[in-house]
Amino acid sequence: MERRSEYTLRVGETAKIKRGFITSYALIYGGMPSDDVYSLVVNWTSGHASASHNLYFRRSQREFELVGGRVTVLDVSSAEIRFRFDR
């Protein structure tokens, strides 16, 4: 069963994209460090442990695999990102 969710995030906002019994994954929009690059921060939490890391993508890259699903970027600007997450 495919699950599809659409999100709009401003810089620094978080969307929980995957939840398990103990583990959850979230994406945070990190903005655009340059005109051609945008950043998403992946944050995972499992019990009392957590970690985050920045991923950088060219503005032209609109689809990629991430934490067991597919991210499709619908629109991105320096202020916000709109994307769909399909599992």
N, C-alpha and C. Protein backbone atom coordinates (compact mmCIF):
# COMPACT_ATOMS: atom_id res chain seq x y z
N MET A 1 0.84 -1.18 0.00
CA MET A 1 0.00 0.00 0.00
C MET A 1 0.89 1.24 0.00
N GLU A 2 0.77 2.05 -1.01
CA GLU A 2 1.56 3.27 -1.12
C GLU A 2 0.88 4.39 -0.34
N ARG A 3 1.67 5.10 0.44
CA ARG A 3 1.15 6.24 1.18
C ARG A 3 1.81 7.50 0.66
N ARG A 4 1.02 8.52 0.43
CA ARG A 4 1.51 9.75 -0.18
C ARG A 4 1.12 10.92 0.72
N SER A 5 2.08 11.77 1.03
CA SER A 5 1.82 12.95 1.85
C SER A 5 2.51 14.15 1.22
N GLU A 6 1.86 15.31 1.27
CA GLU A 6 2.44 16.53 0.72
C GLU A 6 2.68 17.52 1.87
N TYR A 7 3.83 18.20 1.80
CA TYR A 7 4.25 19.12 2.86
C TYR A 7 4.72 20.44 2.26
N THR A 8 4.53 21.53 3.00
CA THR A 8 5.12 22.82 2.69
C THR A 8 5.82 23.29 3.96
N LEU A 9 7.13 23.53 3.85
CA LEU A 9 7.93 23.94 5.00
C LEU A 9 8.64 25.25 4.71
N ARG A 10 8.65 26.12 5.69
CA ARG A 10 9.50 27.32 5.65
C ARG A 10 10.83 26.95 6.29
N VAL A 11 11.82 27.78 6.12
CA VAL A 11 13.15 27.51 6.68
C VAL A 11 13.03 27.24 8.18
N GLY A 12 13.60 26.11 8.61
CA GLY A 12 13.60 25.73 10.02
C GLY A 12 12.39 24.91 10.46
N GLU A 13 11.36 24.80 9.63
CA GLU A 13 10.18 24.01 10.00
C GLU A 13 10.42 22.53 9.76
N THR A 14 9.68 21.70 10.50
CA THR A 14 9.86 20.25 10.49
C THR A 14 8.61 19.52 10.05
N ALA A 15 8.80 18.44 9.30
CA ALA A 15 7.70 17.54 8.94
C ALA A 15 8.11 16.13 9.32
N LYS A 16 7.31 15.47 10.15
CA LYS A 16 7.57 14.07 10.47
C LYS A 16 7.07 13.23 9.31
N ILE A 17 7.99 12.51 8.67
CA ILE A 17 7.62 11.78 7.46
C ILE A 17 7.46 10.28 7.68
N LYS A 18 8.02 9.76 8.76
CA LYS A 18 7.92 8.33 9.00
C LYS A 18 7.97 8.07 10.49
N ARG A 19 6.99 7.32 10.97
CA ARG A 19 6.95 7.00 12.40
C ARG A 19 6.85 5.50 12.58
N GLY A 20 7.61 5.00 13.50
CA GLY A 20 7.53 3.59 13.87
C GLY A 20 7.17 3.48 15.34
N PHE A 21 7.31 2.30 15.88
CA PHE A 21 6.99 2.10 17.29
C PHE A 21 7.89 2.93 18.18
N ILE A 22 9.19 2.91 17.90
CA ILE A 22 10.16 3.67 18.70
C ILE A 22 10.88 4.70 17.85
N THR A 23 11.02 4.46 16.56
CA THR A 23 11.82 5.30 15.67
C THR A 23 10.94 6.23 14.84
N SER A 24 11.41 7.47 14.66
CA SER A 24 10.72 8.40 13.76
C SER A 24 11.76 9.16 12.94
N TYR A 25 11.33 9.58 11.76
CA TYR A 25 12.17 10.38 10.86
C TYR A 25 11.45 11.68 10.55
N ALA A 26 12.22 12.75 10.49
CA ALA A 26 11.66 14.06 10.16
C ALA A 26 12.58 14.75 9.16
N LEU A 27 12.00 15.64 8.35
CA LEU A 27 12.76 16.49 7.46
C LEU A 27 12.58 17.93 7.89
N ILE A 28 13.66 18.67 7.87
CA ILE A 28 13.67 20.08 8.23
C ILE A 28 14.21 20.83 7.01
N TYR A 29 13.54 21.92 6.61
CA TYR A 29 14.05 22.68 5.48
C TYR A 29 15.17 23.58 5.95
N GLY A 30 16.36 23.41 5.35
CA GLY A 30 17.54 24.17 5.73
C GLY A 30 17.80 25.40 4.88
N GLY A 31 16.91 25.68 3.92
CA GLY A 31 17.07 26.87 3.09
C GLY A 31 17.97 26.62 1.89
N MET A 32 18.44 27.73 1.30
CA MET A 32 19.30 27.67 0.12
C MET A 32 20.60 28.41 0.41
N PRO A 33 21.71 27.66 0.60
CA PRO A 33 22.98 28.32 0.85
C PRO A 33 23.53 29.06 -0.37
N SER A 34 22.99 28.72 -1.57
CA SER A 34 23.34 29.46 -2.79
C SER A 34 22.12 29.43 -3.71
N ASP A 35 22.20 30.15 -4.82
CA ASP A 35 21.06 30.23 -5.75
C ASP A 35 20.70 28.89 -6.37
N ASP A 36 21.66 27.97 -6.43
CA ASP A 36 21.46 26.70 -7.14
C ASP A 36 21.39 25.48 -6.21
N VAL A 37 21.45 25.68 -4.90
CA VAL A 37 21.51 24.56 -3.95
C VAL A 37 20.51 24.77 -2.82
N TYR A 38 19.77 23.70 -2.48
CA TYR A 38 18.89 23.74 -1.31
C TYR A 38 19.29 22.63 -0.35
N SER A 39 18.88 22.77 0.90
CA SER A 39 19.30 21.84 1.93
C SER A 39 18.10 21.28 2.68
N LEU A 40 18.11 19.97 2.89
CA LEU A 40 17.15 19.30 3.76
C LEU A 40 17.94 18.64 4.88
N VAL A 41 17.44 18.75 6.09
CA VAL A 41 18.06 18.13 7.25
C VAL A 41 17.24 16.89 7.59
N VAL A 42 17.88 15.74 7.65
CA VAL A 42 17.22 14.51 8.08
C VAL A 42 17.49 14.34 9.56
N ASN A 43 16.43 14.14 10.32
CA ASN A 43 16.54 13.95 11.77
C ASN A 43 15.87 12.63 12.10
N TRP A 44 16.58 11.73 12.75
CA TRP A 44 15.95 10.50 13.21
C TRP A 44 16.07 10.40 14.70
N THR A 45 15.07 9.80 15.30
CA THR A 45 15.03 9.59 16.74
C THR A 45 14.63 8.14 17.00
N SER A 46 15.34 7.50 17.92
CA SER A 46 15.01 6.13 18.32
C SER A 46 15.18 6.05 19.83
N GLY A 47 14.07 6.03 20.53
CA GLY A 47 14.13 6.04 21.99
C GLY A 47 14.75 7.34 22.47
N HIS A 48 15.87 7.24 23.20
CA HIS A 48 16.55 8.42 23.71
C HIS A 48 17.71 8.87 22.83
N ALA A 49 17.93 8.19 21.72
CA ALA A 49 19.02 8.55 20.81
C ALA A 49 18.45 9.30 19.60
N SER A 50 19.24 10.24 19.09
CA SER A 50 18.82 10.95 17.87
C SER A 50 20.06 11.46 17.14
N ALA A 51 19.86 11.74 15.86
CA ALA A 51 20.95 12.28 15.04
C ALA A 51 20.33 13.10 13.91
N SER A 52 21.09 14.05 13.41
CA SER A 52 20.66 14.88 12.28
C SER A 52 21.83 15.05 11.33
N HIS A 53 21.52 15.18 10.05
CA HIS A 53 22.56 15.50 9.08
C HIS A 53 21.94 16.28 7.92
N ASN A 54 22.74 17.20 7.38
CA ASN A 54 22.30 18.01 6.25
C ASN A 54 22.57 17.29 4.94
N LEU A 55 21.60 17.38 4.04
CA LEU A 55 21.78 16.90 2.67
C LEU A 55 21.64 18.10 1.76
N TYR A 56 22.49 18.19 0.76
CA TYR A 56 22.47 19.31 -0.18
C TYR A 56 22.14 18.79 -1.57
N PHE A 57 21.23 19.49 -2.26
CA PHE A 57 20.80 19.08 -3.59
C PHE A 57 20.85 20.28 -4.53
N ARG A 58 21.16 20.02 -5.78
CA ARG A 58 21.05 21.06 -6.80
C ARG A 58 19.58 21.39 -6.97
N ARG A 59 19.29 22.63 -7.25
CA ARG A 59 17.91 23.07 -7.42
C ARG A 59 17.19 22.27 -8.51
N SER A 60 17.93 21.81 -9.51
CA SER A 60 17.34 21.05 -10.61
C SER A 60 17.00 19.61 -10.21
N GLN A 61 17.56 19.11 -9.11
CA GLN A 61 17.24 17.74 -8.67
C GLN A 61 15.93 17.76 -7.90
N ARG A 62 14.91 17.15 -8.48
CA ARG A 62 13.57 17.20 -7.91
C ARG A 62 13.08 15.88 -7.34
N GLU A 63 13.82 14.79 -7.55
CA GLU A 63 13.41 13.49 -7.02
C GLU A 63 14.61 12.75 -6.46
N PHE A 64 14.41 12.09 -5.31
CA PHE A 64 15.47 11.28 -4.72
C PHE A 64 14.86 10.35 -3.67
N GLU A 65 15.57 9.26 -3.38
CA GLU A 65 15.17 8.29 -2.37
C GLU A 65 15.69 8.75 -1.02
N LEU A 66 14.85 8.56 0.01
CA LEU A 66 15.25 8.99 1.34
C LEU A 66 14.44 8.22 2.39
N VAL A 67 15.10 7.66 3.38
CA VAL A 67 14.51 6.93 4.51
C VAL A 67 13.30 6.07 4.12
N GLY A 68 13.51 5.19 3.16
CA GLY A 68 12.47 4.25 2.79
C GLY A 68 11.33 4.82 1.97
N GLY A 69 11.53 5.95 1.35
CA GLY A 69 10.50 6.54 0.51
C GLY A 69 11.10 7.38 -0.59
N ARG A 70 10.24 8.02 -1.35
CA ARG A 70 10.68 8.86 -2.46
C ARG A 70 10.19 10.28 -2.24
N VAL A 71 11.12 11.23 -2.29
CA VAL A 71 10.80 12.66 -2.17
C VAL A 71 10.71 13.25 -3.57
N THR A 72 9.61 13.94 -3.84
CA THR A 72 9.44 14.68 -5.08
C THR A 72 9.26 16.14 -4.72
N VAL A 73 10.22 16.98 -5.10
CA VAL A 73 10.15 18.41 -4.80
C VAL A 73 9.26 19.07 -5.84
N LEU A 74 8.19 19.69 -5.39
CA LEU A 74 7.23 20.34 -6.28
C LEU A 74 7.60 21.79 -6.53
N ASP A 75 8.18 22.45 -5.50
CA ASP A 75 8.61 23.84 -5.63
C ASP A 75 9.62 24.13 -4.53
N VAL A 76 10.63 24.91 -4.84
CA VAL A 76 11.62 25.27 -3.83
C VAL A 76 12.06 26.71 -4.06
N SER A 77 12.18 27.46 -2.97
CA SER A 77 12.67 28.84 -3.00
C SER A 77 13.53 29.04 -1.76
N SER A 78 14.13 30.21 -1.62
CA SER A 78 14.95 30.46 -0.44
C SER A 78 14.10 30.51 0.83
N ALA A 79 12.81 30.77 0.70
CA ALA A 79 11.93 30.89 1.87
C ALA A 79 11.23 29.59 2.24
N GLU A 80 10.90 28.73 1.24
CA GLU A 80 10.15 27.52 1.55
C GLU A 80 10.33 26.44 0.49
N ILE A 81 9.94 25.24 0.89
CA ILE A 81 9.96 24.09 -0.02
C ILE A 81 8.61 23.40 0.06
N ARG A 82 8.15 22.91 -1.07
CA ARG A 82 6.92 22.11 -1.14
C ARG A 82 7.30 20.79 -1.77
N PHE A 83 7.02 19.69 -1.06
CA PHE A 83 7.42 18.37 -1.55
C PHE A 83 6.37 17.33 -1.20
N ARG A 84 6.48 16.21 -1.89
CA ARG A 84 5.63 15.05 -1.64
C ARG A 84 6.53 13.91 -1.20
N PHE A 85 6.07 13.13 -0.21
CA PHE A 85 6.82 11.96 0.25
C PHE A 85 5.95 10.75 0.01
N ASP A 86 6.43 9.80 -0.80
CA ASP A 86 5.70 8.58 -1.13
C ASP A 86 6.41 7.39 -0.52
N ARG A 87 5.65 6.56 0.19
CA ARG A 87 6.21 5.32 0.74
C ARG A 87 5.49 4.15 0.14
